[in-house]
Amino acid sequence: MNCSTPLGLQEFQVKQSLFEYLFRWSCPDECAYECMWKTVDHMQENGQPVVQFHGKWPFARFLGIQEPASTFFSIFNFLANYLFGYKQLRRHLRYGIHPLYSMWIIFCLISMNAWIWSTIFHTRDKPLTETLDYIAAISLVFAQFVCCIIRVGYRTRFMPIAQIASLLVFSFFLYHAYYLLFIDMDFGYNMTVNILVGLLNVICWILWAIYNYGLGKTYVWRCILSVLLTMVFVAFELADFPPIAWTIDAHSIWHFSTIFLPVLWYRFVVDDSRYLLLHTR
């Protein structure tokens, strides 16, 4: 296919499906896709290992979707956060009655936003969709950490400190997002921040939950299990391998594993809000 000639462009337009048109596959995109698979076929015919292209494994396109498994699993994650998160919070908790109601609703909306951008990015991998996916993903890590800080300080004399710390964390996130979007999409820097904030988040929640479990708040076991499972599932990201059937890779397995976490997490949130309401001073 020659995208530089009118005949080549006409050939591309005739062959292009409706879904590929809707997802904005251009002639150069199609050319790169076909060349990638010709290279993969050549490697396999000569017994050579398949390599990544521009840092990414080759995936079989489906209905114009670039990474089908990760896309569908991202949609399922969005639905899980909506059905077991947002809907359950609205069903069991009430604004102005249950403590920290607004905080958890906002956290749930941030979670759903993250999975929306994950769906968009895996549907069409473009520089802008990639950057917005990274920002949305790390916003979820920052949000959960801020929620932990607020929850730890809630109804204690340390609440003013928790509020200041939350503001500082939020300010750093805004700087981080601005840097990635307008200055440099530095993957190494973003990963470092993600790991550091993620570890602080995990340590903070586990220590708080263990302490409160010792005080008789047995419902926090869901918090502990949810956080620990998240850490275990992250290991899938480290197991990098060529996609099975050119569809299922380590990243998509990671997305699949997180579908079930909202059931645990938001049940903990509901139980904790009910506990705070019951013990309102």
Protein backbone atom coordinates (compact mmCIF):
# COMPACT_ATOMS: atom_id res chain seq x y z
CA MET A 1 0.00 0.00 0.00
CA ASN A 2 1.37 3.37 -1.04
CA CYS A 3 -0.20 6.22 0.92
CA SER A 4 1.66 8.87 -1.08
CA THR A 5 -0.27 8.34 -4.32
CA PRO A 6 -3.95 8.97 -5.16
CA LEU A 7 -4.30 5.34 -6.30
CA GLY A 8 -2.89 4.07 -3.00
CA LEU A 9 -5.25 6.29 -0.98
CA GLN A 10 -8.19 5.12 -3.08
CA GLU A 11 -7.22 1.48 -2.47
CA PHE A 12 -7.05 2.17 1.28
CA GLN A 13 -10.46 3.86 1.36
CA VAL A 14 -12.08 0.97 -0.53
CA LYS A 15 -10.62 -1.63 1.85
CA GLN A 16 -11.29 0.29 5.07
CA SER A 17 -14.14 -1.04 7.21
CA LEU A 18 -16.71 1.15 8.94
CA PHE A 19 -15.22 0.49 12.39
CA GLU A 20 -11.71 1.32 11.21
CA TYR A 21 -13.07 4.57 9.77
CA LEU A 22 -14.92 5.41 13.00
CA PHE A 23 -11.78 4.78 15.07
CA ARG A 24 -9.79 6.96 12.67
CA TRP A 25 -7.35 4.49 11.19
CA SER A 26 -5.44 6.55 8.64
CA CYS A 27 -3.62 5.21 5.60
CA PRO A 28 -0.20 5.47 7.33
CA ASP A 29 -1.69 3.69 10.38
CA GLU A 30 -2.95 0.89 8.15
CA CYS A 31 0.39 0.65 6.37
CA ALA A 32 2.24 0.39 9.71
CA TYR A 33 -0.23 -2.28 10.89
CA GLU A 34 0.19 -4.41 7.75
CA CYS A 35 3.98 -4.02 7.79
CA MET A 36 4.05 -5.07 11.44
CA TRP A 37 2.26 -8.34 10.69
CA LYS A 38 4.43 -9.04 7.65
CA THR A 39 7.45 -8.65 9.94
CA VAL A 40 5.88 -10.93 12.57
CA ASP A 41 5.17 -13.59 9.92
CA HIS A 42 8.76 -13.36 8.69
CA MET A 43 10.11 -13.77 12.24
CA GLN A 44 7.97 -16.84 12.88
CA GLU A 45 8.83 -18.44 9.54
CA ASN A 46 12.53 -18.09 10.36
CA GLY A 47 12.19 -19.27 13.96
CA GLN A 48 13.01 -15.87 15.41
CA PRO A 49 11.38 -14.52 18.59
CA VAL A 50 8.70 -11.92 18.07
CA VAL A 51 9.78 -8.50 19.27
CA GLN A 52 7.90 -5.39 20.33
CA PHE A 53 7.21 -2.60 17.87
CA HIS A 54 7.85 0.89 19.25
CA GLY A 55 7.80 -0.62 22.74
CA LYS A 56 4.49 -2.48 22.28
CA TRP A 57 3.56 -6.06 21.41
CA PRO A 58 1.65 -6.75 18.20
CA PHE A 59 -2.10 -7.19 18.73
CA ALA A 60 -4.73 -8.53 16.36
CA ARG A 61 -7.17 -5.72 15.64
CA PHE A 62 -10.88 -6.42 16.22
CA LEU A 63 -13.61 -4.16 14.81
CA GLY A 64 -11.07 -1.37 14.61
CA ILE A 65 -10.07 -1.81 18.27
CA GLN A 66 -6.30 -1.87 18.63
CA GLU A 67 -6.04 -3.91 21.86
CA PRO A 68 -9.36 -5.77 22.20
CA ALA A 69 -8.79 -7.62 25.49
CA SER A 70 -7.53 -4.59 27.43
CA THR A 71 -10.34 -2.49 25.94
CA PHE A 72 -13.13 -4.87 26.94
CA PHE A 73 -11.66 -5.50 30.39
CA SER A 74 -11.40 -1.71 30.91
CA ILE A 75 -15.11 -1.45 30.07
CA PHE A 76 -15.88 -4.19 32.61
CA ASN A 77 -13.82 -2.31 35.22
CA PHE A 78 -15.84 0.83 34.54
CA LEU A 79 -19.08 -1.12 34.94
CA ALA A 80 -17.82 -2.75 38.15
CA ASN A 81 -17.02 0.65 39.67
CA TYR A 82 -20.38 1.99 38.54
CA LEU A 83 -22.51 -0.96 39.70
CA PHE A 84 -20.65 -1.98 42.86
CA GLY A 85 -19.28 1.47 43.63
CA TYR A 86 -21.39 4.43 42.60
CA LYS A 87 -24.75 2.64 42.64
CA GLN A 88 -24.05 0.98 46.01
CA LEU A 89 -22.84 4.21 47.59
CA ARG A 90 -25.97 6.02 46.41
CA ARG A 91 -28.16 3.14 47.56
CA HIS A 92 -26.76 2.60 51.06
CA LEU A 93 -25.38 6.02 52.02
CA ARG A 94 -26.98 9.46 52.17
CA TYR A 95 -25.52 12.90 51.57
CA GLY A 96 -25.44 14.99 54.71
CA ILE A 97 -26.03 11.96 56.89
CA HIS A 98 -23.21 9.48 56.39
CA PRO A 99 -19.72 10.85 57.13
CA LEU A 100 -17.29 11.26 54.21
CA TYR A 101 -20.07 10.56 51.69
CA SER A 102 -18.89 13.23 49.24
CA MET A 103 -15.28 12.07 49.44
CA TRP A 104 -16.16 8.53 48.43
CA ILE A 105 -18.50 9.63 45.64
CA ILE A 106 -15.71 11.78 44.20
CA PHE A 107 -13.25 8.89 44.52
CA CYS A 108 -15.68 6.62 42.67
CA LEU A 109 -16.08 9.16 39.86
CA ILE A 110 -12.29 9.43 39.57
CA SER A 111 -12.12 5.63 39.31
CA MET A 112 -14.72 5.53 36.54
CA ASN A 113 -12.94 8.33 34.71
CA ALA A 114 -9.68 6.36 34.84
CA TRP A 115 -11.34 3.34 33.21
CA ILE A 116 -12.97 5.51 30.55
CA TRP A 117 -9.56 6.78 29.47
CA SER A 118 -8.11 3.29 29.69
CA THR A 119 -10.83 2.14 27.30
CA ILE A 120 -10.14 5.02 24.90
CA PHE A 121 -6.37 4.46 24.97
CA HIS A 122 -6.53 0.71 24.35
CA THR A 123 -9.04 1.28 21.57
CA ARG A 124 -6.68 3.64 19.76
CA ASP A 125 -3.12 4.07 20.97
CA LYS A 126 -2.22 7.66 20.18
CA PRO A 127 0.20 10.03 21.98
CA LEU A 128 -2.66 12.10 23.43
CA THR A 129 -4.82 9.14 24.47
CA GLU A 130 -1.75 7.52 26.03
CA THR A 131 -0.89 10.62 28.05
CA LEU A 132 -4.47 11.10 29.25
CA ASP A 133 -4.67 7.42 30.18
CA TYR A 134 -1.49 7.72 32.26
CA ILE A 135 -2.76 10.87 33.98
CA ALA A 136 -6.18 9.33 34.70
CA ALA A 137 -4.57 6.14 36.03
CA ILE A 138 -2.24 7.93 38.41
CA SER A 139 -5.08 10.24 39.50
CA LEU A 140 -6.73 7.13 40.95
CA VAL A 141 -3.60 6.32 42.98
CA PHE A 142 -3.36 9.89 44.27
CA ALA A 143 -7.09 9.97 45.06
CA GLN A 144 -6.99 6.79 47.13
CA PHE A 145 -3.95 8.09 49.02
CA VAL A 146 -5.73 11.38 49.79
CA CYS A 147 -8.77 9.42 50.99
CA CYS A 148 -6.51 7.46 53.31
CA ILE A 149 -4.97 10.63 54.74
CA ILE A 150 -8.41 12.12 55.37
CA ARG A 151 -9.74 8.88 56.88
CA VAL A 152 -6.76 8.52 59.21
CA GLY A 153 -7.15 12.09 60.47
CA TYR A 154 -10.95 12.08 60.61
CA ARG A 155 -12.35 12.91 64.07
CA THR A 156 -8.88 13.24 65.54
CA ARG A 157 -6.84 16.24 66.62
CA PHE A 158 -4.66 15.59 63.55
CA MET A 159 -7.42 16.48 61.07
CA PRO A 160 -5.95 19.95 60.26
CA ILE A 161 -2.63 18.26 59.46
CA ALA A 162 -4.44 15.70 57.29
CA GLN A 163 -6.19 18.49 55.38
CA ILE A 164 -2.92 20.31 54.74
CA ALA A 165 -1.22 17.06 53.68
CA SER A 166 -4.11 16.27 51.33
CA LEU A 167 -3.85 19.72 49.76
CA LEU A 168 -0.11 19.25 49.23
CA VAL A 169 -0.63 15.83 47.65
CA PHE A 170 -3.36 17.22 45.39
CA SER A 171 -1.12 20.14 44.39
CA PHE A 172 1.68 17.76 43.47
CA PHE A 173 -0.73 15.72 41.34
CA LEU A 174 -1.76 18.87 39.45
CA TYR A 175 1.91 19.65 38.80
CA HIS A 176 2.56 16.05 37.75
CA ALA A 177 -0.38 16.06 35.31
CA TYR A 178 0.69 19.44 33.89
CA TYR A 179 4.26 18.18 33.42
CA LEU A 180 3.15 15.04 31.55
CA LEU A 181 0.63 16.86 29.38
CA PHE A 182 2.49 20.05 28.48
CA ILE A 183 6.20 19.56 29.18
CA ASP A 184 7.35 15.96 28.74
CA MET A 185 5.60 12.58 28.74
CA ASP A 186 8.44 11.01 30.72
CA PHE A 187 7.50 7.36 31.27
CA GLY A 188 10.31 6.72 33.75
CA TYR A 189 9.41 9.74 35.86
CA ASN A 190 5.72 8.83 35.80
CA MET A 191 6.46 5.24 36.81
CA THR A 192 8.66 6.41 39.70
CA VAL A 193 5.92 8.71 41.01
CA ASN A 194 3.33 5.97 40.54
CA ILE A 195 5.37 3.45 42.53
CA LEU A 196 6.25 5.85 45.36
CA VAL A 197 2.71 7.18 45.85
CA GLY A 198 1.29 3.66 45.40
CA LEU A 199 3.56 2.26 48.12
CA LEU A 200 2.69 5.10 50.49
CA ASN A 201 -0.98 4.46 49.78
CA VAL A 202 -0.70 0.72 50.45
CA ILE A 203 1.35 1.13 53.63
CA CYS A 204 -0.98 3.82 54.97
CA TRP A 205 -4.17 1.82 54.40
CA ILE A 206 -2.77 -1.46 55.74
CA LEU A 207 -1.35 0.09 58.92
CA TRP A 208 -4.60 1.98 59.55
CA ALA A 209 -6.71 -1.14 58.91
CA ILE A 210 -4.56 -3.40 61.12
CA TYR A 211 -4.71 -0.86 63.94
CA ASN A 212 -8.49 -0.54 63.68
CA TYR A 213 -8.97 -4.29 63.37
CA GLY A 214 -7.25 -4.56 66.73
CA LEU A 215 -9.82 -2.10 68.10
CA GLY A 216 -12.63 -4.44 67.09
CA LYS A 217 -13.56 -2.97 63.71
CA THR A 218 -13.54 -6.35 61.99
CA TYR A 219 -15.11 -5.02 58.79
CA VAL A 220 -11.75 -3.52 57.77
CA TRP A 221 -10.60 -6.97 56.61
CA ARG A 222 -12.08 -6.07 53.23
CA CYS A 223 -9.82 -3.03 53.08
CA ILE A 224 -6.75 -5.13 53.87
CA LEU A 225 -7.66 -7.85 51.36
CA SER A 226 -8.47 -5.35 48.62
CA VAL A 227 -5.16 -3.51 49.01
CA LEU A 228 -3.13 -6.72 49.23
CA LEU A 229 -4.83 -8.20 46.15
CA THR A 230 -4.03 -5.01 44.24
CA MET A 231 -0.36 -5.49 45.10
CA VAL A 232 -0.48 -9.15 44.03
CA PHE A 233 -2.20 -8.33 40.74
CA VAL A 234 0.44 -5.71 39.93
CA ALA A 235 2.80 -8.66 39.45
CA PHE A 236 0.98 -9.39 36.18
CA GLU A 237 2.42 -6.15 34.83
CA LEU A 238 5.93 -7.49 35.44
CA ALA A 239 5.29 -10.75 33.58
CA ASP A 240 5.78 -9.33 30.10
CA PHE A 241 5.22 -11.84 27.30
CA PRO A 242 3.95 -11.88 23.68
CA PRO A 243 0.14 -11.82 23.54
CA ILE A 244 -1.62 -15.18 23.62
CA ALA A 245 -3.49 -15.52 20.30
CA TRP A 246 -2.23 -11.97 19.70
CA THR A 247 -4.93 -10.76 22.11
CA ILE A 248 -4.21 -11.59 25.79
CA ASP A 249 -1.06 -10.09 27.27
CA ALA A 250 0.12 -9.42 30.83
CA HIS A 251 -1.41 -5.95 30.86
CA SER A 252 -4.85 -7.23 29.85
CA ILE A 253 -4.65 -9.92 32.55
CA TRP A 254 -3.93 -7.14 35.06
CA HIS A 255 -7.06 -5.33 33.87
CA PHE A 256 -9.10 -8.52 34.12
CA SER A 257 -7.96 -9.21 37.68
CA THR A 258 -9.01 -5.76 38.93
CA ILE A 259 -12.63 -6.15 37.77
CA PHE A 260 -13.59 -7.85 41.05
CA LEU A 261 -11.86 -5.47 43.46
CA PRO A 262 -14.66 -2.84 43.63
CA VAL A 263 -16.94 -5.44 45.26
CA LEU A 264 -14.56 -5.68 48.22
CA TRP A 265 -13.50 -2.05 48.36
CA TYR A 266 -16.87 -0.34 48.28
CA ARG A 267 -18.38 -2.82 50.72
CA PHE A 268 -15.64 -1.71 53.11
CA VAL A 269 -16.46 1.94 52.37
CA VAL A 270 -20.17 1.39 53.11
CA ASP A 271 -19.42 -0.49 56.35
CA ASP A 272 -16.95 2.19 57.46
CA SER A 273 -19.43 5.00 56.76
CA ARG A 274 -22.11 3.16 58.72
CA TYR A 275 -19.68 2.68 61.61
CA LEU A 276 -18.84 6.40 61.65
CA LEU A 277 -22.53 7.30 61.59
CA LEU A 278 -23.29 4.90 64.43
CA HIS A 279 -20.49 6.31 66.55
CA THR A 280 -21.10 9.99 65.80
CA ARG A 281 -20.09 12.06 68.78
